[in-house]
Amino acid sequence: MLAPVTDTDGAPFWEYAARGELRVQACGDCGESRFPPRPCCPRCQSFASEWRRVSGRGRVWSYIVAHPPLLPDYAQQAPYNVVVVELEDAPRIRLVGNLVTAPGAPLGSLDPGRIRIGTRVQVVFSGGLPQWVLV
């Protein structure tokens, strides 16, 4: 499994994920949720921010199924899906991940024929990485 590359703004996201919590950055002044994390609110330009816990429920907004040729670290796991999930309690936030059959299951564990736009999903965590399972 490849580890995420973190930066100063996004580091808290990964720290919470390592604890099994899905949190998104929000403006400390106007409350606007934002992802990816960044220092300034795009709505009110405030530099105040906080990390809000979200339910982890969402729906598949888009997806692809990757097939070789791929980067060597992923080629042996193909084919596998990559989903974009729109969060239920922060609908303007969309996260990229993989839809799997259970926490820690391999990337290609879910039959791609079961994935549909609008399918309800729930976040799970494996090794500090958010993944998604069908609801």
C-alpha atoms as a PDB file:
ATOM      1  CA  MET A   1       0.000   0.000   0.000  1.00  0.00           C
ATOM      2  CA  LEU A   2       1.353   3.432  -0.897  1.00  0.00           C
ATOM      3  CA  ALA A   3       1.346   6.043   1.856  1.00  0.00           C
ATOM      4  CA  PRO A   4      -0.330   9.417   1.264  1.00  0.00           C
ATOM      5  CA  VAL A   5       1.835  12.459   0.682  1.00  0.00           C
ATOM      6  CA  THR A   6       0.977  15.016   3.353  1.00  0.00           C
ATOM      7  CA  ASP A   7       1.435  18.758   3.532  1.00  0.00           C
ATOM      8  CA  THR A   8       0.929  21.219   6.384  1.00  0.00           C
ATOM      9  CA  ASP A   9      -2.686  22.010   5.446  1.00  0.00           C
ATOM     10  CA  GLY A  10      -3.737  18.394   4.872  1.00  0.00           C
ATOM     11  CA  ALA A  11      -1.797  16.715   7.699  1.00  0.00           C
ATOM     12  CA  PRO A  12      -4.738  16.865  10.175  1.00  0.00           C
ATOM     13  CA  PHE A  13      -6.961  14.989   7.681  1.00  0.00           C
ATOM     14  CA  TRP A  14      -4.517  12.071   7.712  1.00  0.00           C
ATOM     15  CA  GLU A  15      -4.011  12.225  11.490  1.00  0.00           C
ATOM     16  CA  TYR A  16      -7.768  11.890  12.032  1.00  0.00           C
ATOM     17  CA  ALA A  17      -8.004   9.127   9.400  1.00  0.00           C
ATOM     18  CA  ALA A  18      -5.289   7.171  11.230  1.00  0.00           C
ATOM     19  CA  ARG A  19      -7.636   7.242  14.258  1.00  0.00           C
ATOM     20  CA  GLY A  20     -10.606   6.090  12.154  1.00  0.00           C
ATOM     21  CA  GLU A  21     -12.281   9.500  11.974  1.00  0.00           C
ATOM     22  CA  LEU A  22     -13.403  11.281   8.842  1.00  0.00           C
ATOM     23  CA  ARG A  23     -13.080  15.027   9.307  1.00  0.00           C
ATOM     24  CA  VAL A  24     -13.157  17.904   6.843  1.00  0.00           C
ATOM     25  CA  GLN A  25     -11.724  21.354   7.199  1.00  0.00           C
ATOM     26  CA  ALA A  26     -14.239  24.164   7.723  1.00  0.00           C
ATOM     27  CA  CYS A  27     -13.885  27.920   7.992  1.00  0.00           C
ATOM     28  CA  GLY A  28     -13.763  29.058  11.607  1.00  0.00           C
ATOM     29  CA  ASP A  29     -15.629  32.254  10.688  1.00  0.00           C
ATOM     30  CA  CYS A  30     -18.296  31.481   8.050  1.00  0.00           C
ATOM     31  CA  GLY A  31     -18.494  27.690   8.573  1.00  0.00           C
ATOM     32  CA  GLU A  32     -17.949  26.766   4.901  1.00  0.00           C
ATOM     33  CA  SER A  33     -16.608  23.212   4.521  1.00  0.00           C
ATOM     34  CA  ARG A  34     -13.695  22.812   2.150  1.00  0.00           C
ATOM     35  CA  PHE A  35     -11.644  20.071   0.580  1.00  0.00           C
ATOM     36  CA  PRO A  36      -8.852  19.824  -0.241  1.00  0.00           C
ATOM     37  CA  PRO A  37      -7.615  21.575   2.905  1.00  0.00           C
ATOM     38  CA  ARG A  38      -6.072  24.997   2.396  1.00  0.00           C
ATOM     39  CA  PRO A  39      -5.085  27.955   4.549  1.00  0.00           C
ATOM     40  CA  CYS A  40      -7.700  30.447   3.337  1.00  0.00           C
ATOM     41  CA  CYS A  41     -11.484  30.136   3.006  1.00  0.00           C
ATOM     42  CA  PRO A  42     -12.530  30.539  -0.646  1.00  0.00           C
ATOM     43  CA  ARG A  43     -15.843  32.036   0.478  1.00  0.00           C
ATOM     44  CA  CYS A  44     -14.867  34.737   3.013  1.00  0.00           C
ATOM     45  CA  GLN A  45     -11.033  34.714   2.771  1.00  0.00           C
ATOM     46  CA  SER A  46     -10.643  34.031   6.506  1.00  0.00           C
ATOM     47  CA  PHE A  47      -7.578  32.158   7.733  1.00  0.00           C
ATOM     48  CA  ALA A  48      -9.497  30.693  10.701  1.00  0.00           C
ATOM     49  CA  SER A  49     -10.225  26.981  10.342  1.00  0.00           C
ATOM     50  CA  GLU A  50     -11.397  23.932  12.278  1.00  0.00           C
ATOM     51  CA  TRP A  51     -11.778  20.222  11.567  1.00  0.00           C
ATOM     52  CA  ARG A  52     -15.349  18.928  11.737  1.00  0.00           C
ATOM     53  CA  ARG A  53     -16.226  15.281  12.082  1.00  0.00           C
ATOM     54  CA  VAL A  54     -18.621  14.045   9.396  1.00  0.00           C
ATOM     55  CA  SER A  55     -20.715  10.883   9.323  1.00  0.00           C
ATOM     56  CA  GLY A  56     -18.811   9.233   6.488  1.00  0.00           C
ATOM     57  CA  ARG A  57     -22.031   8.523   4.618  1.00  0.00           C
ATOM     58  CA  GLY A  58     -22.213   9.545   0.996  1.00  0.00           C
ATOM     59  CA  ARG A  59     -23.018   8.510  -2.522  1.00  0.00           C
ATOM     60  CA  VAL A  60     -20.918   7.584  -5.533  1.00  0.00           C
ATOM     61  CA  TRP A  61     -20.707  10.743  -7.607  1.00  0.00           C
ATOM     62  CA  SER A  62     -18.377   9.274 -10.254  1.00  0.00           C
ATOM     63  CA  TYR A  63     -16.065   6.302 -10.724  1.00  0.00           C
ATOM     64  CA  ILE A  64     -13.634   4.531 -13.035  1.00  0.00           C
ATOM     65  CA  VAL A  65     -12.210   1.027 -13.179  1.00  0.00           C
ATOM     66  CA  ALA A  66      -8.455   1.050 -13.730  1.00  0.00           C
ATOM     67  CA  HIS A  67      -6.879  -1.591 -15.976  1.00  0.00           C
ATOM     68  CA  PRO A  68      -3.203  -2.113 -16.898  1.00  0.00           C
ATOM     69  CA  PRO A  69      -0.904  -0.565 -17.928  1.00  0.00           C
ATOM     70  CA  LEU A  70      -0.500   1.157 -14.574  1.00  0.00           C
ATOM     71  CA  LEU A  71       2.242   2.183 -12.197  1.00  0.00           C
ATOM     72  CA  PRO A  72       4.067  -0.964 -11.068  1.00  0.00           C
ATOM     73  CA  ASP A  73       2.776  -0.704  -7.474  1.00  0.00           C
ATOM     74  CA  TYR A  74      -0.807  -0.876  -8.750  1.00  0.00           C
ATOM     75  CA  ALA A  75      -0.558  -3.167 -11.784  1.00  0.00           C
ATOM     76  CA  GLN A  76      -0.797  -6.365  -9.716  1.00  0.00           C
ATOM     77  CA  GLN A  77      -3.994  -5.126  -8.037  1.00  0.00           C
ATOM     78  CA  ALA A  78      -5.814  -4.258 -11.279  1.00  0.00           C
ATOM     79  CA  PRO A  79      -8.522  -4.090 -12.236  1.00  0.00           C
ATOM     80  CA  TYR A  80      -9.719  -1.921  -9.349  1.00  0.00           C
ATOM     81  CA  ASN A  81     -12.124   0.978  -8.928  1.00  0.00           C
ATOM     82  CA  VAL A  82     -11.538   4.573  -8.007  1.00  0.00           C
ATOM     83  CA  VAL A  83     -14.650   6.376  -6.773  1.00  0.00           C
ATOM     84  CA  VAL A  84     -15.517   9.996  -6.132  1.00  0.00           C
ATOM     85  CA  VAL A  85     -17.851  10.158  -3.140  1.00  0.00           C
ATOM     86  CA  GLU A  86     -20.071  13.138  -2.387  1.00  0.00           C
ATOM     87  CA  LEU A  87     -20.496  13.414   1.384  1.00  0.00           C
ATOM     88  CA  GLU A  88     -24.054  13.370   2.733  1.00  0.00           C
ATOM     89  CA  ASP A  89     -23.497  15.984   5.420  1.00  0.00           C
ATOM     90  CA  ALA A  90     -21.165  18.172   3.314  1.00  0.00           C
ATOM     91  CA  PRO A  91     -22.530  17.809  -0.240  1.00  0.00           C
ATOM     92  CA  ARG A  92     -20.009  20.174  -1.812  1.00  0.00           C
ATOM     93  CA  ILE A  93     -17.192  17.950  -0.531  1.00  0.00           C
ATOM     94  CA  ARG A  94     -16.157  15.080  -2.792  1.00  0.00           C
ATOM     95  CA  LEU A  95     -13.473  12.612  -1.753  1.00  0.00           C
ATOM     96  CA  VAL A  96     -11.567  10.167  -3.936  1.00  0.00           C
ATOM     97  CA  GLY A  97     -11.045   6.604  -2.740  1.00  0.00           C
ATOM     98  CA  ASN A  98     -11.776   2.968  -3.446  1.00  0.00           C
ATOM     99  CA  LEU A  99     -14.942   0.956  -2.984  1.00  0.00           C
ATOM    100  CA  VAL A 100     -14.144  -2.367  -1.279  1.00  0.00           C
ATOM    101  CA  THR A 101     -16.154  -5.250   0.172  1.00  0.00           C
ATOM    102  CA  ALA A 102     -14.933  -4.736   3.768  1.00  0.00           C
ATOM    103  CA  PRO A 103     -12.333  -2.752   5.716  1.00  0.00           C
ATOM    104  CA  GLY A 104      -8.875  -3.873   4.625  1.00  0.00           C
ATOM    105  CA  ALA A 105     -10.149  -5.832   1.610  1.00  0.00           C
ATOM    106  CA  PRO A 106      -8.012  -5.632  -1.544  1.00  0.00           C
ATOM    107  CA  LEU A 107      -8.657  -2.836  -4.025  1.00  0.00           C
ATOM    108  CA  GLY A 108     -10.240  -5.182  -6.587  1.00  0.00           C
ATOM    109  CA  SER A 109     -12.459  -6.983  -4.064  1.00  0.00           C
ATOM    110  CA  LEU A 110     -15.760  -5.494  -5.271  1.00  0.00           C
ATOM    111  CA  ASP A 111     -17.220  -6.596  -8.593  1.00  0.00           C
ATOM    112  CA  PRO A 112     -17.193  -3.441 -10.778  1.00  0.00           C
ATOM    113  CA  GLY A 113     -20.651  -4.394 -12.069  1.00  0.00           C
ATOM    114  CA  ARG A 114     -22.077  -3.485  -8.640  1.00  0.00           C
ATOM    115  CA  ILE A 115     -20.958   0.145  -8.820  1.00  0.00           C
ATOM    116  CA  ARG A 116     -23.498   2.729  -9.950  1.00  0.00           C
ATOM    117  CA  ILE A 117     -23.618   6.505  -9.824  1.00  0.00           C
ATOM    118  CA  GLY A 118     -25.725   7.423  -6.798  1.00  0.00           C
ATOM    119  CA  THR A 119     -24.979   4.219  -4.867  1.00  0.00           C
ATOM    120  CA  ARG A 120     -24.970   4.852  -1.099  1.00  0.00           C
ATOM    121  CA  VAL A 121     -21.646   4.202   0.630  1.00  0.00           C
ATOM    122  CA  GLN A 122     -20.055   4.469   4.075  1.00  0.00           C
ATOM    123  CA  VAL A 123     -16.449   5.242   4.915  1.00  0.00           C
ATOM    124  CA  VAL A 124     -14.230   2.589   6.501  1.00  0.00           C
ATOM    125  CA  PHE A 125     -10.541   2.822   7.306  1.00  0.00           C
ATOM    126  CA  SER A 126      -7.646   0.527   6.525  1.00  0.00           C
ATOM    127  CA  GLY A 127      -4.137   1.445   7.559  1.00  0.00           C
ATOM    128  CA  GLY A 128      -5.177   5.069   8.001  1.00  0.00           C
ATOM    129  CA  LEU A 129      -6.650   5.316   4.509  1.00  0.00           C
ATOM    130  CA  PRO A 130     -10.339   6.075   3.991  1.00  0.00           C
ATOM    131  CA  GLN A 131     -12.086   3.519   1.801  1.00  0.00           C
ATOM    132  CA  TRP A 132     -15.772   2.990   1.057  1.00  0.00           C
ATOM    133  CA  VAL A 133     -18.201   0.091   1.390  1.00  0.00           C
ATOM    134  CA  LEU A 134     -21.714  -0.302   0.032  1.00  0.00           C
ATOM    135  CA  VAL A 135     -24.518   0.571   2.447  1.00  0.00           C
END
